[in-house]
């Protein structure tokens, strides 16, 4: 039972990390620079 729970946790964490990396890779070509004095991007 403990082994199953551990495997589920590892699978969940691995999936979350992969999804986060995919989102980071998609965002790489863009840089948003804020201009706080005129509230523009």
C-alpha atoms as a PDB file:
ATOM      1  CA  UNK A   1       0.000   0.000   0.000  1.00  0.00           C
ATOM      2  CA  UNK A   2       2.807   2.429   0.874  1.00  0.00           C
ATOM      3  CA  UNK A   3       4.582   1.614  -2.394  1.00  0.00           C
ATOM      4  CA  UNK A   4       1.435   2.459  -4.401  1.00  0.00           C
ATOM      5  CA  UNK A   5       1.042   5.778  -2.597  1.00  0.00           C
ATOM      6  CA  UNK A   6       4.680   6.620  -3.232  1.00  0.00           C
ATOM      7  CA  UNK A   7       4.373   5.774  -6.924  1.00  0.00           C
ATOM      8  CA  UNK A   8       1.237   7.916  -7.215  1.00  0.00           C
ATOM      9  CA  UNK A   9       3.034  10.843  -5.583  1.00  0.00           C
ATOM     10  CA  UNK A  10       6.035  10.474  -7.888  1.00  0.00           C
ATOM     11  CA  UNK A  11       3.763  10.277 -10.952  1.00  0.00           C
ATOM     12  CA  UNK A  12       1.806  13.345  -9.854  1.00  0.00           C
ATOM     13  CA  UNK A  13       4.921  15.397  -9.148  1.00  0.00           C
ATOM     14  CA  UNK A  14       6.524  14.311 -12.440  1.00  0.00           C
ATOM     15  CA  UNK A  15       3.426  15.251 -14.411  1.00  0.00           C
ATOM     16  CA  UNK A  16       3.222  18.639 -12.706  1.00  0.00           C
ATOM     17  CA  UNK A  17       6.889  19.341 -13.440  1.00  0.00           C
ATOM     18  CA  UNK A  18       6.513  18.383 -17.098  1.00  0.00           C
ATOM     19  CA  UNK A  19       3.481  20.655 -17.473  1.00  0.00           C
ATOM     20  CA  UNK A  20       5.362  23.522 -15.828  1.00  0.00           C
ATOM     21  CA  UNK A  21       8.338  23.042 -18.152  1.00  0.00           C
ATOM     22  CA  UNK A  22       6.080  23.005 -21.203  1.00  0.00           C
ATOM     23  CA  UNK A  23       4.551  26.311 -20.109  1.00  0.00           C
ATOM     24  CA  UNK A  24       7.988  27.836 -19.539  1.00  0.00           C
ATOM     25  CA  UNK A  25       9.201  26.735 -22.984  1.00  0.00           C
ATOM     26  CA  UNK A  26       6.125  28.257 -24.633  1.00  0.00           C
ATOM     27  CA  UNK A  27       6.725  31.597 -22.909  1.00  0.00           C
ATOM     28  CA  UNK A  28      10.396  31.944 -23.901  1.00  0.00           C
ATOM     29  CA  UNK A  29      10.007  34.036 -27.106  1.00  0.00           C
ATOM     30  CA  UNK A  30       8.089  36.795 -25.313  1.00  0.00           C
ATOM     31  CA  UNK A  31       9.281  39.453 -22.910  1.00  0.00           C
ATOM     32  CA  UNK A  32       6.744  41.780 -21.324  1.00  0.00           C
ATOM     33  CA  UNK A  33       8.152  44.976 -19.914  1.00  0.00           C
ATOM     34  CA  UNK A  34       5.828  47.027 -17.756  1.00  0.00           C
ATOM     35  CA  UNK A  35       5.833  50.808 -17.665  1.00  0.00           C
ATOM     36  CA  UNK A  36       4.401  51.702 -14.296  1.00  0.00           C
ATOM     37  CA  UNK A  37       4.332  55.445 -14.961  1.00  0.00           C
ATOM     38  CA  UNK A  38       1.798  55.121 -17.806  1.00  0.00           C
ATOM     39  CA  UNK A  39       0.238  51.745 -16.922  1.00  0.00           C
ATOM     40  CA  UNK A  40       1.238  50.176 -20.262  1.00  0.00           C
ATOM     41  CA  UNK A  41       3.062  47.065 -21.339  1.00  0.00           C
END
